[in-house]
């Protein structure tokens, strides 16, 4: 019984990871098809139990907030620092920051 439980949870976690990777690939394709560049402000940066970041940015007259991960940080950017990003011109809520692979 326990073995079936472990296999079931393993399958669920695998499917969740596959879905996240597929969504990231779709977003990157949208950005690469027609991109723009911008700068935002790092509102939160966490590196404990995973890497996550919150960025606030403005495109045109609209304010956006991005919450996502980060892969590397060679300039040691911290909360309050400005950060560069690329965004999908047709959907400005979709961005990739300079800290992510694929930037």
N, C-alpha and C. Protein backbone atom coordinates (compact mmCIF):
# COMPACT_ATOMS: atom_id res chain seq x y z
N UNK A 1 0.83 -1.20 0.00
CA UNK A 1 0.00 0.00 0.00
C UNK A 1 0.88 1.27 0.00
N UNK A 2 1.89 1.27 0.87
CA UNK A 2 2.78 2.43 0.95
C UNK A 2 3.51 2.64 -0.37
N UNK A 3 3.91 1.55 -1.01
CA UNK A 3 4.62 1.65 -2.28
C UNK A 3 3.74 2.31 -3.35
N UNK A 4 2.47 1.94 -3.38
CA UNK A 4 1.55 2.57 -4.33
C UNK A 4 1.39 4.05 -4.04
N UNK A 5 1.34 4.41 -2.78
CA UNK A 5 1.24 5.81 -2.38
C UNK A 5 2.46 6.60 -2.86
N UNK A 6 3.64 6.07 -2.65
CA UNK A 6 4.88 6.73 -3.07
C UNK A 6 4.93 6.85 -4.59
N UNK A 7 4.56 5.81 -5.29
CA UNK A 7 4.55 5.86 -6.76
C UNK A 7 3.54 6.89 -7.24
N UNK A 8 2.38 6.94 -6.61
CA UNK A 8 1.36 7.92 -6.99
C UNK A 8 1.84 9.34 -6.82
N UNK A 9 2.44 9.66 -5.66
CA UNK A 9 2.95 11.02 -5.42
C UNK A 9 4.11 11.34 -6.35
N UNK A 10 4.94 10.37 -6.63
CA UNK A 10 6.04 10.59 -7.57
C UNK A 10 5.53 10.95 -8.95
N UNK A 11 4.47 10.27 -9.37
CA UNK A 11 3.86 10.56 -10.67
C UNK A 11 3.27 11.97 -10.70
N UNK A 12 2.58 12.35 -9.64
CA UNK A 12 1.99 13.70 -9.56
C UNK A 12 3.08 14.76 -9.64
N UNK A 13 4.14 14.60 -8.87
CA UNK A 13 5.23 15.58 -8.89
C UNK A 13 5.90 15.65 -10.25
N UNK A 14 6.07 14.52 -10.90
CA UNK A 14 6.66 14.49 -12.24
C UNK A 14 5.80 15.27 -13.23
N UNK A 15 4.48 15.05 -13.19
CA UNK A 15 3.57 15.75 -14.10
C UNK A 15 3.55 17.25 -13.85
N UNK A 16 3.61 17.66 -12.59
CA UNK A 16 3.66 19.09 -12.26
C UNK A 16 4.91 19.72 -12.84
N UNK A 17 6.04 19.05 -12.69
CA UNK A 17 7.32 19.56 -13.21
C UNK A 17 7.28 19.65 -14.73
N UNK A 18 6.72 18.65 -15.39
CA UNK A 18 6.63 18.67 -16.85
C UNK A 18 5.77 19.83 -17.33
N UNK A 19 4.68 20.10 -16.64
CA UNK A 19 3.79 21.20 -17.00
C UNK A 19 4.50 22.55 -16.84
N UNK A 20 5.27 22.71 -15.76
CA UNK A 20 6.00 23.96 -15.53
C UNK A 20 7.05 24.18 -16.62
N UNK A 21 7.76 23.13 -17.00
CA UNK A 21 8.77 23.24 -18.05
C UNK A 21 8.12 23.60 -19.39
N UNK A 22 6.97 23.00 -19.69
CA UNK A 22 6.28 23.30 -20.94
C UNK A 22 5.81 24.75 -20.97
N UNK A 23 5.28 25.23 -19.85
CA UNK A 23 4.82 26.63 -19.77
C UNK A 23 5.99 27.59 -19.95
N UNK A 24 7.13 27.28 -19.35
CA UNK A 24 8.31 28.13 -19.50
C UNK A 24 8.78 28.18 -20.95
N UNK A 25 8.74 27.05 -21.64
CA UNK A 25 9.14 27.00 -23.04
C UNK A 25 8.18 27.81 -23.92
N UNK A 26 6.89 27.74 -23.64
CA UNK A 26 5.91 28.51 -24.40
C UNK A 26 6.13 30.01 -24.19
N UNK A 27 6.35 30.41 -22.93
CA UNK A 27 6.59 31.83 -22.64
C UNK A 27 7.85 32.33 -23.32
N UNK A 28 8.91 31.54 -23.31
CA UNK A 28 10.15 31.94 -23.96
C UNK A 28 9.96 32.08 -25.47
N UNK A 29 9.16 31.21 -26.07
CA UNK A 29 8.87 31.31 -27.51
C UNK A 29 8.11 32.60 -27.81
N UNK A 30 7.17 32.97 -26.95
CA UNK A 30 6.44 34.24 -27.13
C UNK A 30 7.38 35.44 -27.05
N UNK A 31 8.28 35.41 -26.09
CA UNK A 31 9.24 36.50 -25.92
C UNK A 31 10.17 36.57 -27.13
N UNK A 32 10.67 35.43 -27.57
CA UNK A 32 11.61 35.41 -28.69
C UNK A 32 10.96 35.81 -30.02
N UNK A 33 9.64 35.64 -30.15
CA UNK A 33 8.99 35.98 -31.41
C UNK A 33 8.93 37.49 -31.64
N UNK A 34 8.74 38.26 -30.58
CA UNK A 34 8.70 39.73 -30.69
C UNK A 34 8.95 40.28 -29.30
N UNK A 35 10.21 40.70 -29.07
CA UNK A 35 10.57 41.10 -27.70
C UNK A 35 10.88 42.57 -27.57
N UNK A 36 10.78 43.03 -26.36
CA UNK A 36 11.20 44.37 -25.98
C UNK A 36 12.08 44.25 -24.75
N UNK A 37 12.78 45.32 -24.42
CA UNK A 37 13.67 45.31 -23.26
C UNK A 37 13.21 46.36 -22.26
N UNK A 38 13.44 46.09 -21.00
CA UNK A 38 13.05 47.04 -19.97
C UNK A 38 13.86 46.82 -18.70
N UNK A 39 13.58 47.67 -17.72
CA UNK A 39 14.21 47.57 -16.41
C UNK A 39 13.13 47.62 -15.35
N UNK A 40 13.34 46.87 -14.30
CA UNK A 40 12.42 46.85 -13.18
C UNK A 40 13.18 46.94 -11.87
N UNK A 41 12.45 46.85 -10.78
CA UNK A 41 13.04 46.90 -9.44
C UNK A 41 12.79 45.57 -8.75
N UNK A 42 13.82 45.01 -8.14
CA UNK A 42 13.67 43.77 -7.38
C UNK A 42 12.98 44.12 -6.05
N UNK A 43 11.80 43.57 -5.85
CA UNK A 43 11.04 43.82 -4.62
C UNK A 43 11.37 42.78 -3.55
N UNK A 44 11.51 41.53 -3.96
CA UNK A 44 11.87 40.44 -3.05
C UNK A 44 12.80 39.49 -3.77
N UNK A 45 13.76 38.96 -3.04
CA UNK A 45 14.66 37.95 -3.57
C UNK A 45 14.91 36.92 -2.48
N UNK A 46 14.63 35.67 -2.81
CA UNK A 46 14.81 34.60 -1.84
C UNK A 46 15.71 33.53 -2.43
N UNK A 47 16.59 33.00 -1.60
CA UNK A 47 17.47 31.93 -2.07
C UNK A 47 17.43 30.73 -1.14
N UNK A 48 16.58 30.76 -0.14
CA UNK A 48 16.45 29.63 0.77
C UNK A 48 15.40 28.68 0.24
N UNK A 49 15.71 27.41 0.13
CA UNK A 49 14.81 26.39 -0.41
C UNK A 49 14.31 26.77 -1.80
N UNK A 50 15.23 27.08 -2.69
CA UNK A 50 14.89 27.46 -4.05
C UNK A 50 15.20 28.93 -4.29
N UNK A 51 15.22 29.32 -5.52
CA UNK A 51 15.50 30.69 -5.90
C UNK A 51 14.22 31.32 -6.44
N UNK A 52 13.74 32.37 -5.78
CA UNK A 52 12.57 33.08 -6.29
C UNK A 52 12.80 34.58 -6.20
N UNK A 53 12.10 35.29 -7.07
CA UNK A 53 12.29 36.73 -7.17
C UNK A 53 10.96 37.39 -7.51
N UNK A 54 10.76 38.59 -6.99
CA UNK A 54 9.60 39.41 -7.34
C UNK A 54 10.11 40.72 -7.92
N UNK A 55 9.64 41.05 -9.11
CA UNK A 55 10.10 42.25 -9.82
C UNK A 55 8.87 43.10 -10.15
N UNK A 56 8.96 44.39 -9.88
CA UNK A 56 7.91 45.33 -10.26
C UNK A 56 8.45 46.16 -11.42
N UNK A 57 7.63 46.33 -12.48
CA UNK A 57 8.08 47.07 -13.65
C UNK A 57 6.91 47.76 -14.34
N UNK A 58 7.25 48.74 -15.17
CA UNK A 58 6.25 49.52 -15.89
C UNK A 58 6.55 49.47 -17.38
N UNK A 59 5.50 49.20 -18.16
CA UNK A 59 5.60 49.25 -19.61
C UNK A 59 4.45 50.12 -20.08
N UNK A 60 4.79 51.21 -20.77
CA UNK A 60 3.76 52.18 -21.15
C UNK A 60 3.22 52.83 -19.89
N UNK A 61 1.92 52.82 -19.73
CA UNK A 61 1.30 53.39 -18.53
C UNK A 61 0.88 52.32 -17.53
N UNK A 62 1.21 51.07 -17.80
CA UNK A 62 0.76 49.97 -16.96
C UNK A 62 1.88 49.44 -16.07
N UNK A 63 1.54 49.17 -14.81
CA UNK A 63 2.47 48.56 -13.86
C UNK A 63 2.23 47.05 -13.82
N UNK A 64 3.31 46.29 -13.70
CA UNK A 64 3.24 44.84 -13.65
C UNK A 64 4.08 44.35 -12.49
N UNK A 65 3.78 43.13 -12.06
CA UNK A 65 4.60 42.47 -11.06
C UNK A 65 4.85 41.05 -11.53
N UNK A 66 6.12 40.66 -11.53
CA UNK A 66 6.53 39.33 -11.97
C UNK A 66 7.03 38.56 -10.77
N UNK A 67 6.59 37.32 -10.66
CA UNK A 67 7.10 36.42 -9.64
C UNK A 67 7.58 35.17 -10.34
N UNK A 68 8.84 34.86 -10.15
CA UNK A 68 9.41 33.70 -10.82
C UNK A 68 10.70 33.27 -10.16
N UNK A 69 11.45 32.46 -10.87
CA UNK A 69 12.69 31.94 -10.34
C UNK A 69 13.90 32.64 -10.92
N UNK A 70 15.06 32.27 -10.41
CA UNK A 70 16.30 32.76 -10.99
C UNK A 70 17.32 31.64 -10.95
N UNK A 71 18.21 31.63 -11.96
CA UNK A 71 19.17 30.56 -12.13
C UNK A 71 20.58 30.94 -11.68
N UNK A 72 20.97 32.18 -11.90
CA UNK A 72 22.32 32.64 -11.56
C UNK A 72 22.26 34.13 -11.23
N UNK A 73 23.23 34.60 -10.48
CA UNK A 73 23.25 36.01 -10.07
C UNK A 73 24.69 36.51 -10.01
N UNK A 74 25.34 36.68 -11.17
CA UNK A 74 26.76 37.04 -11.16
C UNK A 74 27.04 38.43 -10.61
N UNK A 75 26.07 39.34 -10.68
CA UNK A 75 26.28 40.71 -10.17
C UNK A 75 25.79 40.87 -8.74
N UNK A 76 25.37 39.76 -8.11
CA UNK A 76 24.89 39.76 -6.73
C UNK A 76 23.78 40.80 -6.52
N UNK A 77 22.79 40.81 -7.41
CA UNK A 77 21.67 41.74 -7.29
C UNK A 77 20.85 41.41 -6.05
N UNK A 78 20.38 42.45 -5.37
CA UNK A 78 19.62 42.30 -4.13
C UNK A 78 18.32 43.08 -4.23
N UNK A 79 17.48 42.98 -3.19
CA UNK A 79 16.24 43.74 -3.13
C UNK A 79 16.55 45.23 -3.24
N UNK A 80 15.77 45.94 -4.06
CA UNK A 80 15.96 47.37 -4.28
C UNK A 80 16.82 47.69 -5.48
N UNK A 81 17.56 46.71 -6.00
CA UNK A 81 18.39 46.93 -7.19
C UNK A 81 17.52 46.90 -8.44
N UNK A 82 17.99 47.58 -9.50
CA UNK A 82 17.29 47.49 -10.77
C UNK A 82 17.76 46.23 -11.49
N UNK A 83 16.88 45.70 -12.34
CA UNK A 83 17.17 44.46 -13.05
C UNK A 83 16.66 44.59 -14.48
N UNK A 84 17.44 44.07 -15.43
CA UNK A 84 17.04 44.10 -16.83
C UNK A 84 16.17 42.87 -17.14
N UNK A 85 15.28 43.05 -18.11
CA UNK A 85 14.45 41.93 -18.54
C UNK A 85 14.05 42.10 -19.99
N UNK A 86 13.65 41.00 -20.59
CA UNK A 86 13.03 41.00 -21.92
C UNK A 86 11.57 40.62 -21.72
N UNK A 87 10.70 41.19 -22.56
CA UNK A 87 9.28 40.87 -22.43
C UNK A 87 8.65 40.64 -23.79
N UNK A 88 7.53 39.93 -23.79
CA UNK A 88 6.77 39.71 -25.01
C UNK A 88 5.98 40.97 -25.31
N UNK A 89 6.24 41.61 -26.44
CA UNK A 89 5.59 42.87 -26.79
C UNK A 89 4.07 42.74 -26.79
N UNK A 90 3.57 41.63 -27.30
CA UNK A 90 2.13 41.43 -27.37
C UNK A 90 1.51 41.08 -26.02
N UNK A 91 2.32 40.60 -25.08
CA UNK A 91 1.85 40.22 -23.74
C UNK A 91 2.90 40.66 -22.72
N UNK A 92 2.92 41.94 -22.33
CA UNK A 92 3.99 42.45 -21.48
C UNK A 92 4.07 41.83 -20.09
N UNK A 93 3.05 41.08 -19.69
CA UNK A 93 3.11 40.41 -18.38
C UNK A 93 4.07 39.21 -18.42
N UNK A 94 4.47 38.78 -19.61
CA UNK A 94 5.40 37.66 -19.75
C UNK A 94 6.80 38.21 -19.95
N UNK A 95 7.67 37.97 -18.95
CA UNK A 95 9.05 38.47 -19.03
C UNK A 95 10.03 37.35 -18.66
N UNK A 96 11.29 37.60 -18.97
CA UNK A 96 12.39 36.78 -18.51
C UNK A 96 13.48 37.73 -18.04
N UNK A 97 13.96 37.55 -16.83
CA UNK A 97 14.94 38.49 -16.27
C UNK A 97 16.36 38.07 -16.63
N UNK A 98 17.28 38.98 -16.41
CA UNK A 98 18.69 38.71 -16.71
C UNK A 98 19.26 37.60 -15.83
N UNK A 99 18.57 37.21 -14.78
CA UNK A 99 19.05 36.17 -13.88
C UNK A 99 18.63 34.77 -14.31
N UNK A 100 17.82 34.68 -15.39
CA UNK A 100 17.31 33.39 -15.83
C UNK A 100 18.04 32.90 -17.08
N UNK A 101 18.18 31.59 -17.18
CA UNK A 101 18.69 31.02 -18.42
C UNK A 101 17.73 31.35 -19.54
N UNK A 102 18.23 31.68 -20.69
CA UNK A 102 17.39 32.04 -21.83
C UNK A 102 17.27 33.53 -22.03
N UNK A 103 17.83 34.34 -21.11
CA UNK A 103 17.76 35.80 -21.25
C UNK A 103 18.54 36.19 -22.47
